C-alpha atoms as a PDB file:
ATOM      1  CA  UNK A   1      63.115  -5.705  -0.668  1.00  0.00           C
ATOM      2  CA  UNK A   2      63.810  -7.894   1.937  1.00  0.00           C
ATOM      3  CA  UNK A   3      66.121  -7.950   4.807  1.00  0.00           C
ATOM      4  CA  UNK A   4      66.957 -10.182   7.987  1.00  0.00           C
ATOM      5  CA  UNK A   5      66.024  -8.399  11.303  1.00  0.00           C
ATOM      6  CA  UNK A   6      67.573 -10.106  14.940  1.00  0.00           C
ATOM      7  CA  UNK A   7      66.763  -9.483  18.121  1.00  0.00           C
ATOM      8  CA  UNK A   8      69.120 -10.561  20.887  1.00  0.00           C
ATOM      9  CA  UNK A   9      67.650 -10.306  23.931  1.00  0.00           C
ATOM     10  CA  UNK A  10      68.462 -11.861  27.794  1.00  0.00           C
ATOM     11  CA  UNK A  11      66.751 -15.029  27.028  1.00  0.00           C
ATOM     12  CA  UNK A  12      66.183 -15.441  23.891  1.00  0.00           C
ATOM     13  CA  UNK A  13      67.753 -14.537  20.025  1.00  0.00           C
ATOM     14  CA  UNK A  14      64.812 -14.273  17.039  1.00  0.00           C
ATOM     15  CA  UNK A  15      64.747 -13.597  13.623  1.00  0.00           C
ATOM     16  CA  UNK A  16      62.624 -13.407  10.813  1.00  0.00           C
ATOM     17  CA  UNK A  17      63.352 -12.000   7.213  1.00  0.00           C
ATOM     18  CA  UNK A  18      61.446  -8.417   7.170  1.00  0.00           C
ATOM     19  CA  UNK A  19      59.716  -6.714   3.600  1.00  0.00           C
ATOM     20  CA  UNK A  20      60.592  -3.106   4.431  1.00  0.00           C
ATOM     21  CA  UNK A  21      57.893  -1.292   2.736  1.00  0.00           C
ATOM     22  CA  UNK A  22      55.151  -2.826   4.432  1.00  0.00           C
ATOM     23  CA  UNK A  23      56.970  -3.475   7.883  1.00  0.00           C
ATOM     24  CA  UNK A  24      56.081  -6.997   8.556  1.00  0.00           C
ATOM     25  CA  UNK A  25      57.794 -10.367   8.996  1.00  0.00           C
ATOM     26  CA  UNK A  26      57.624 -12.553   5.301  1.00  0.00           C
ATOM     27  CA  UNK A  27      58.600 -16.031   7.074  1.00  0.00           C
ATOM     28  CA  UNK A  28      58.105 -17.400  10.535  1.00  0.00           C
ATOM     29  CA  UNK A  29      60.029 -16.303  13.426  1.00  0.00           C
ATOM     30  CA  UNK A  30      63.246 -18.741  14.455  1.00  0.00           C
ATOM     31  CA  UNK A  31      64.005 -18.224  18.186  1.00  0.00           C
ATOM     32  CA  UNK A  32      67.107 -19.582  19.872  1.00  0.00           C
ATOM     33  CA  UNK A  33      67.468 -19.593  23.568  1.00  0.00           C
ATOM     34  CA  UNK A  34      70.367 -17.042  24.423  1.00  0.00           C
ATOM     35  CA  UNK A  35      73.148 -18.958  25.399  1.00  0.00           C
ATOM     36  CA  UNK A  36      74.119 -18.832  29.136  1.00  0.00           C
ATOM     37  CA  UNK A  37      76.384 -17.431  30.336  1.00  0.00           C
ATOM     38  CA  UNK A  38      75.988 -14.595  27.112  1.00  0.00           C
ATOM     39  CA  UNK A  39      79.432 -14.108  26.644  1.00  0.00           C
ATOM     40  CA  UNK A  40      80.321 -12.226  22.746  1.00  0.00           C
ATOM     41  CA  UNK A  41      81.228 -15.429  20.787  1.00  0.00           C
ATOM     42  CA  UNK A  42      78.861 -17.561  22.090  1.00  0.00           C
ATOM     43  CA  UNK A  43      75.641 -15.251  21.558  1.00  0.00           C
ATOM     44  CA  UNK A  44      77.525 -14.338  18.039  1.00  0.00           C
ATOM     45  CA  UNK A  45      77.714 -18.304  17.056  1.00  0.00           C
ATOM     46  CA  UNK A  46      73.858 -18.605  18.271  1.00  0.00           C
ATOM     47  CA  UNK A  47      73.058 -15.523  15.763  1.00  0.00           C
ATOM     48  CA  UNK A  48      74.954 -17.209  13.175  1.00  0.00           C
ATOM     49  CA  UNK A  49      72.772 -20.022  13.272  1.00  0.00           C
ATOM     50  CA  UNK A  50      69.481 -18.030  13.092  1.00  0.00           C
ATOM     51  CA  UNK A  51      71.272 -16.532  10.034  1.00  0.00           C
ATOM     52  CA  UNK A  52      71.428 -19.963   8.841  1.00  0.00           C
ATOM     53  CA  UNK A  53      67.899 -21.449   9.381  1.00  0.00           C
ATOM     54  CA  UNK A  54      67.420 -18.893   6.455  1.00  0.00           C
ATOM     55  CA  UNK A  55      69.927 -19.035   4.122  1.00  0.00           C
ATOM     56  CA  UNK A  56      70.921 -15.878   4.935  1.00  0.00           C
ATOM     57  CA  UNK A  57      73.974 -14.114   2.648  1.00  0.00           C
ATOM     58  CA  UNK A  58      72.387 -10.212   2.623  1.00  0.00           C
ATOM     59  CA  UNK A  59      72.849  -7.537   4.985  1.00  0.00           C
ATOM     60  CA  UNK A  60      71.564  -8.335   8.183  1.00  0.00           C
ATOM     61  CA  UNK A  61      69.867  -5.457  10.847  1.00  0.00           C
ATOM     62  CA  UNK A  62      70.922  -7.034  14.641  1.00  0.00           C
ATOM     63  CA  UNK A  63      69.472  -5.460  18.159  1.00  0.00           C
ATOM     64  CA  UNK A  64      71.108  -5.644  20.954  1.00  0.00           C
ATOM     65  CA  UNK A  65      70.455  -4.655  24.779  1.00  0.00           C
ATOM     66  CA  UNK A  66      73.128  -2.378  25.179  1.00  0.00           C
ATOM     67  CA  UNK A  67      74.479   1.152  24.343  1.00  0.00           C
ATOM     68  CA  UNK A  68      75.916   0.619  20.908  1.00  0.00           C
ATOM     69  CA  UNK A  69      78.529   2.994  19.404  1.00  0.00           C
ATOM     70  CA  UNK A  70      79.397   2.558  15.617  1.00  0.00           C
ATOM     71  CA  UNK A  71      79.053  -0.990  16.207  1.00  0.00           C
ATOM     72  CA  UNK A  72      80.975  -1.212  20.044  1.00  0.00           C
ATOM     73  CA  UNK A  73      78.964  -2.059  22.833  1.00  0.00           C
ATOM     74  CA  UNK A  74      79.374   0.487  26.001  1.00  0.00           C
ATOM     75  CA  UNK A  75      76.960  -1.476  28.567  1.00  0.00           C
ATOM     76  CA  UNK A  76      76.068  -4.929  29.923  1.00  0.00           C
ATOM     77  CA  UNK A  77      72.832  -4.625  32.158  1.00  0.00           C
ATOM     78  CA  UNK A  78      71.104  -7.966  30.954  1.00  0.00           C
ATOM     79  CA  UNK A  79      74.228  -9.587  29.186  1.00  0.00           C
ATOM     80  CA  UNK A  80      77.460 -10.921  30.132  1.00  0.00           C
ATOM     81  CA  UNK A  81      80.113  -8.211  31.167  1.00  0.00           C
ATOM     82  CA  UNK A  82      82.727  -9.251  28.503  1.00  0.00           C
ATOM     83  CA  UNK A  83      80.289  -6.987  25.936  1.00  0.00           C
ATOM     84  CA  UNK A  84      81.552  -4.329  27.003  1.00  0.00           C
ATOM     85  CA  UNK A  85      84.239  -2.756  24.924  1.00  0.00           C
ATOM     86  CA  UNK A  86      83.178  -5.305  22.324  1.00  0.00           C
ATOM     87  CA  UNK A  87      82.926  -4.699  18.562  1.00  0.00           C
ATOM     88  CA  UNK A  88      80.032  -6.341  18.063  1.00  0.00           C
ATOM     89  CA  UNK A  89      79.150  -5.280  14.670  1.00  0.00           C
ATOM     90  CA  UNK A  90      82.661  -6.892  13.710  1.00  0.00           C
ATOM     91  CA  UNK A  91      82.286 -10.005  15.512  1.00  0.00           C
ATOM     92  CA  UNK A  92      78.838 -10.725  14.118  1.00  0.00           C
ATOM     93  CA  UNK A  93      80.438 -10.003  10.711  1.00  0.00           C
ATOM     94  CA  UNK A  94      82.820 -12.353  11.132  1.00  0.00           C
ATOM     95  CA  UNK A  95      80.402 -15.036  12.891  1.00  0.00           C
ATOM     96  CA  UNK A  96      77.924 -14.802  10.215  1.00  0.00           C
ATOM     97  CA  UNK A  97      79.866 -13.976   6.634  1.00  0.00           C
ATOM     98  CA  UNK A  98      77.049 -10.815   5.968  1.00  0.00           C
ATOM     99  CA  UNK A  99      76.984  -6.988   6.852  1.00  0.00           C
ATOM    100  CA  UNK A 100      75.728  -5.821  10.001  1.00  0.00           C
ATOM    101  CA  UNK A 101      73.934  -3.145  11.321  1.00  0.00           C
ATOM    102  CA  UNK A 102      74.084  -3.644  15.315  1.00  0.00           C
ATOM    103  CA  UNK A 103      71.956  -0.864  17.479  1.00  0.00           C
ATOM    104  CA  UNK A 104      69.763  -0.818  20.404  1.00  0.00           C
ATOM    105  CA  UNK A 105      66.990  -2.776  21.453  1.00  0.00           C
ATOM    106  CA  UNK A 106      64.336  -0.414  22.474  1.00  0.00           C
ATOM    107  CA  UNK A 107      65.639   2.070  19.200  1.00  0.00           C
ATOM    108  CA  UNK A 108      64.977  -0.305  16.850  1.00  0.00           C
ATOM    109  CA  UNK A 109      61.349  -1.025  19.021  1.00  0.00           C
ATOM    110  CA  UNK A 110      61.171   3.068  17.711  1.00  0.00           C
ATOM    111  CA  UNK A 111      62.441   3.087  14.583  1.00  0.00           C
ATOM    112  CA  UNK A 112      59.623   0.320  13.912  1.00  0.00           C
ATOM    113  CA  UNK A 113      56.747   2.350  15.622  1.00  0.00           C
ATOM    114  CA  UNK A 114      57.751   5.247  13.947  1.00  0.00           C
ATOM    115  CA  UNK A 115      57.795   4.094  10.557  1.00  0.00           C
ATOM    116  CA  UNK A 116      54.700   1.306  10.749  1.00  0.00           C
ATOM    117  CA  UNK A 117      53.307   1.698  13.784  1.00  0.00           C
ATOM    118  CA  UNK A 118      51.847   4.278  16.501  1.00  0.00           C
ATOM    119  CA  UNK A 119      53.937   7.018  15.501  1.00  0.00           C
ATOM    120  CA  UNK A 120      53.776   6.557  11.926  1.00  0.00           C
ATOM    121  CA  UNK A 121      53.446  10.131  10.691  1.00  0.00           C
ATOM    122  CA  UNK A 122      54.044  12.256  13.896  1.00  0.00           C
ATOM    123  CA  UNK A 123      56.184  15.008  14.005  1.00  0.00           C
ATOM    124  CA  UNK A 124      57.525  16.889  17.381  1.00  0.00           C
ATOM    125  CA  UNK A 125      59.163  15.210  20.480  1.00  0.00           C
ATOM    126  CA  UNK A 126      58.013  11.349  20.530  1.00  0.00           C
ATOM    127  CA  UNK A 127      59.162   8.864  23.157  1.00  0.00           C
ATOM    128  CA  UNK A 128      58.846   4.983  22.683  1.00  0.00           C
ATOM    129  CA  UNK A 129      59.196   3.237  26.373  1.00  0.00           C
ATOM    130  CA  UNK A 130      59.015  -0.690  26.314  1.00  0.00           C
ATOM    131  CA  UNK A 131      58.030  -2.590  29.503  1.00  0.00           C
ATOM    132  CA  UNK A 132      59.476  -5.641  30.227  1.00  0.00           C
ATOM    133  CA  UNK A 133      61.990  -7.204  31.977  1.00  0.00           C
ATOM    134  CA  UNK A 134      63.165  -3.870  31.837  1.00  0.00           C
ATOM    135  CA  UNK A 135      62.212  -0.575  30.549  1.00  0.00           C
ATOM    136  CA  UNK A 136      63.594   0.495  27.300  1.00  0.00           C
ATOM    137  CA  UNK A 137      63.736   3.937  25.464  1.00  0.00           C
ATOM    138  CA  UNK A 138      63.764   5.510  22.445  1.00  0.00           C
ATOM    139  CA  UNK A 139      63.506   9.576  22.172  1.00  0.00           C
ATOM    140  CA  UNK A 140      62.538  11.408  18.587  1.00  0.00           C
ATOM    141  CA  UNK A 141      62.575  14.568  17.738  1.00  0.00           C
ATOM    142  CA  UNK A 142      60.996  15.447  14.299  1.00  0.00           C
ATOM    143  CA  UNK A 143      61.451  12.134  13.745  1.00  0.00           C
ATOM    144  CA  UNK A 144      65.056  11.562  14.370  1.00  0.00           C
ATOM    145  CA  UNK A 145      66.132   9.131  16.645  1.00  0.00           C
ATOM    146  CA  UNK A 146      68.207  10.274  19.667  1.00  0.00           C
ATOM    147  CA  UNK A 147      70.516   6.938  20.069  1.00  0.00           C
ATOM    148  CA  UNK A 148      70.757   5.260  23.384  1.00  0.00           C
ATOM    149  CA  UNK A 149      68.975   7.246  25.686  1.00  0.00           C
ATOM    150  CA  UNK A 150      68.369   4.248  28.222  1.00  0.00           C
ATOM    151  CA  UNK A 151      66.104   6.221  29.977  1.00  0.00           C
ATOM    152  CA  UNK A 152      64.952   2.710  32.174  1.00  0.00           C
ATOM    153  CA  UNK A 153      68.613   3.607  34.306  1.00  0.00           C
ATOM    154  CA  UNK A 154      67.482   6.535  34.997  1.00  0.00           C
ATOM    155  CA  UNK A 155      67.530   7.513  38.730  1.00  0.00           C
ATOM    156  CA  UNK A 156      63.846   8.356  39.467  1.00  0.00           C
ATOM    157  CA  UNK A 157      63.342   7.719  43.456  1.00  0.00           C
ATOM    158  CA  UNK A 158      66.121   7.477  46.384  1.00  0.00           C
ATOM    159  CA  UNK A 159      65.812   5.876  49.116  1.00  0.00           C
ATOM    160  CA  UNK A 160      68.164   4.433  52.496  1.00  0.00           C
ATOM    161  CA  UNK A 161      70.506   2.738  49.710  1.00  0.00           C
ATOM    162  CA  UNK A 162      70.666   5.325  46.835  1.00  0.00           C
ATOM    163  CA  UNK A 163      68.861   5.737  43.476  1.00  0.00           C
ATOM    164  CA  UNK A 164      66.073   3.759  42.702  1.00  0.00           C
ATOM    165  CA  UNK A 165      66.273   2.967  38.783  1.00  0.00           C
ATOM    166  CA  UNK A 166      63.071   3.598  36.850  1.00  0.00           C
ATOM    167  CA  UNK A 167      63.028  -0.298  35.845  1.00  0.00           C
ATOM    168  CA  UNK A 168      63.318  -1.403  39.092  1.00  0.00           C
ATOM    169  CA  UNK A 169      60.431   0.948  40.104  1.00  0.00           C
ATOM    170  CA  UNK A 170      57.924   0.337  37.281  1.00  0.00           C
ATOM    171  CA  UNK A 171      58.944  -2.455  35.081  1.00  0.00           C
ATOM    172  CA  UNK A 172      56.313  -5.197  34.446  1.00  0.00           C
ATOM    173  CA  UNK A 173      58.962  -7.564  35.735  1.00  0.00           C
ATOM    174  CA  UNK A 174      58.434  -5.619  38.697  1.00  0.00           C
ATOM    175  CA  UNK A 175      54.612  -5.958  38.387  1.00  0.00           C
ATOM    176  CA  UNK A 176      54.493  -9.462  38.208  1.00  0.00           C
ATOM    177  CA  UNK A 177      56.916  -9.728  41.176  1.00  0.00           C
ATOM    178  CA  UNK A 178      55.718  -7.338  43.500  1.00  0.00           C
ATOM    179  CA  UNK A 179      51.913  -8.647  42.611  1.00  0.00           C
ATOM    180  CA  UNK A 180      51.061  -5.259  41.867  1.00  0.00           C
ATOM    181  CA  UNK A 181      47.305  -4.197  41.000  1.00  0.00           C
ATOM    182  CA  UNK A 182      47.239  -2.946  37.310  1.00  0.00           C
ATOM    183  CA  UNK A 183      46.206   0.390  39.232  1.00  0.00           C
ATOM    184  CA  UNK A 184      49.116  -0.041  41.794  1.00  0.00           C
ATOM    185  CA  UNK A 185      51.550  -0.270  38.536  1.00  0.00           C
ATOM    186  CA  UNK A 186      50.033   2.520  36.333  1.00  0.00           C
ATOM    187  CA  UNK A 187      50.435   4.892  39.210  1.00  0.00           C
ATOM    188  CA  UNK A 188      54.002   4.124  39.196  1.00  0.00           C
ATOM    189  CA  UNK A 189      54.179   4.639  35.475  1.00  0.00           C
ATOM    190  CA  UNK A 190      52.476   8.109  36.140  1.00  0.00           C
ATOM    191  CA  UNK A 191      54.989   9.018  38.546  1.00  0.00           C
ATOM    192  CA  UNK A 192      57.897   7.880  35.545  1.00  0.00           C
ATOM    193  CA  UNK A 193      55.829   9.509  33.054  1.00  0.00           C
ATOM    194  CA  UNK A 194      55.302  12.808  35.053  1.00  0.00           C
ATOM    195  CA  UNK A 195      59.507  13.103  35.305  1.00  0.00           C
ATOM    196  CA  UNK A 196      60.390  12.119  31.755  1.00  0.00           C
ATOM    197  CA  UNK A 197      57.773  15.040  31.135  1.00  0.00           C
ATOM    198  CA  UNK A 198      59.601  17.163  33.035  1.00  0.00           C
ATOM    199  CA  UNK A 199      63.013  15.890  31.439  1.00  0.00           C
ATOM    200  CA  UNK A 200      61.894  16.246  28.011  1.00  0.00           C
ATOM    201  CA  UNK A 201      58.357  17.876  27.623  1.00  0.00           C
ATOM    202  CA  UNK A 202      57.293  15.346  24.826  1.00  0.00           C
ATOM    203  CA  UNK A 203      54.317  15.425  22.274  1.00  0.00           C
ATOM    204  CA  UNK A 204      53.811  11.938  22.610  1.00  0.00           C
ATOM    205  CA  UNK A 205      54.333   8.647  24.715  1.00  0.00           C
ATOM    206  CA  UNK A 206      54.551   5.567  22.701  1.00  0.00           C
ATOM    207  CA  UNK A 207      54.542   2.695  25.523  1.00  0.00           C
ATOM    208  CA  UNK A 208      55.146  -0.958  24.183  1.00  0.00           C
ATOM    209  CA  UNK A 209      56.732  -4.329  25.307  1.00  0.00           C
ATOM    210  CA  UNK A 210      54.715  -6.948  25.588  1.00  0.00           C
ATOM    211  CA  UNK A 211      52.765  -5.790  28.453  1.00  0.00           C
ATOM    212  CA  UNK A 212      50.942  -3.209  25.605  1.00  0.00           C
ATOM    213  CA  UNK A 213      48.521  -6.370  24.342  1.00  0.00           C
ATOM    214  CA  UNK A 214      46.969  -5.443  27.892  1.00  0.00           C
ATOM    215  CA  UNK A 215      46.620  -1.403  27.610  1.00  0.00           C
ATOM    216  CA  UNK A 216      43.118  -1.664  27.761  1.00  0.00           C
ATOM    217  CA  UNK A 217      43.567  -2.544  31.776  1.00  0.00           C
ATOM    218  CA  UNK A 218      46.141   0.355  32.561  1.00  0.00           C
ATOM    219  CA  UNK A 219      45.782   3.204  29.811  1.00  0.00           C
ATOM    220  CA  UNK A 220      42.564   4.276  31.360  1.00  0.00           C
ATOM    221  CA  UNK A 221      43.850   4.989  34.471  1.00  0.00           C
ATOM    222  CA  UNK A 222      47.020   7.039  33.358  1.00  0.00           C
ATOM    223  CA  UNK A 223      46.701  10.626  34.494  1.00  0.00           C
ATOM    224  CA  UNK A 224      49.779  12.222  32.752  1.00  0.00           C
ATOM    225  CA  UNK A 225      48.668  15.293  30.518  1.00  0.00           C
ATOM    226  CA  UNK A 226      51.171  14.417  27.877  1.00  0.00           C
ATOM    227  CA  UNK A 227      49.455  11.759  25.067  1.00  0.00           C
ATOM    228  CA  UNK A 228      49.270   8.602  25.721  1.00  0.00           C
ATOM    229  CA  UNK A 229      49.112   5.690  22.726  1.00  0.00           C
ATOM    230  CA  UNK A 230      49.975   1.918  22.880  1.00  0.00           C
ATOM    231  CA  UNK A 231      52.397   0.526  20.758  1.00  0.00           C
ATOM    232  CA  UNK A 232      51.262  -1.754  17.759  1.00  0.00           C
ATOM    233  CA  UNK A 233      54.357  -4.212  17.536  1.00  0.00           C
ATOM    234  CA  UNK A 234      54.371  -6.449  19.848  1.00  0.00           C
ATOM    235  CA  UNK A 235      57.193  -9.115  19.656  1.00  0.00           C
ATOM    236  CA  UNK A 236      58.311  -8.045  16.782  1.00  0.00           C
ATOM    237  CA  UNK A 237      59.066  -4.700  16.857  1.00  0.00           C
ATOM    238  CA  UNK A 238      62.840  -5.170  17.446  1.00  0.00           C
ATOM    239  CA  UNK A 239      62.852  -7.688  14.209  1.00  0.00           C
ATOM    240  CA  UNK A 240      61.392  -4.649  12.015  1.00  0.00           C
ATOM    241  CA  UNK A 241      63.218  -2.161  13.130  1.00  0.00           C
ATOM    242  CA  UNK A 242      66.509  -3.744  12.989  1.00  0.00           C
ATOM    243  CA  UNK A 243      65.663  -4.753   9.700  1.00  0.00           C
ATOM    244  CA  UNK A 244      64.660  -0.799   9.015  1.00  0.00           C
ATOM    245  CA  UNK A 245      68.076  -0.003  10.439  1.00  0.00           C
ATOM    246  CA  UNK A 246      70.119  -2.231   8.142  1.00  0.00           C
ATOM    247  CA  UNK A 247      68.599  -0.682   4.749  1.00  0.00           C
ATOM    248  CA  UNK A 248      71.433   1.641   4.164  1.00  0.00           C
ATOM    249  CA  UNK A 249      73.628  -1.688   3.557  1.00  0.00           C
ATOM    250  CA  UNK A 250      71.203  -2.429   1.090  1.00  0.00           C
ATOM    251  CA  UNK A 251      72.111   0.739  -1.186  1.00  0.00           C
END
C-alpha cells in the first residue's frame, strides 16, 4: 500500500509516495519553496501543487511545524501567525480534494524512526529529538506517541532577559551561527539531555535532523547516562512518518 506523505517546513514543502510496508519512498521527492509570507491559503495552494505533481487522489499524510490537535493548529513558531486557530486539515482537504491527516512534524519523524528506524522494536520510554533550525521532539511510551511535546521550546536556562529555550541554546542553527566546535556543541546537547533525563527518565534517546548524518563527530562526546543512538531517517523522516500516520484513512 502506498500513501502520499508531505512535509511542510518553514523553507520548503516536500512530498513523495511511501510504501507503508517497507517505510521507503517509491518516487523521487518533489520540493517546492514555502511561500513567504507562509499564510495558510498560500501554503495550502503549494501543497496542492505537490499533490498534483503525483496526480494523487488518495489519502495524504501531512506534517506541520506546530502543535496540532484534531487538525487545528495551535502554535506558529516558524510559520505565519495566521495559522494559529486555523483548521489546517479542513483547509488542506478543501484545496487538494483529498482526505488529510495533519500532525506535528517531529511526531511524524518519530513515527518513522519507531516503525522502521532506530526505535524499531524498542519499548519503554523513547525520546526522539530532531536538531535543525530548531529542536523538535517526539515522546513514545511503550511505542505509544505522546503528541505535541515541543520540548525545543522548553526553557532550560535563565539569563538577564528571562528563560532561554532549548532550541536557542543547542539547535544545529545555533551551532553554525555561533561557530561552535563539535565538542562545544556536544556539551550543550549534553546539558539538554540531562534536563530531559530528569524530567522523563527515558530508556533511549534518538537524535535526528540533518546533523544526524555527522553523528560520529558528536555522539562519542556525549556523557549522558541514557543510551543515545543516531536516527536512521534523515530528510525523508517527515514524509515517511506522515504517510504512516495517514494509514488509518486508507482503511
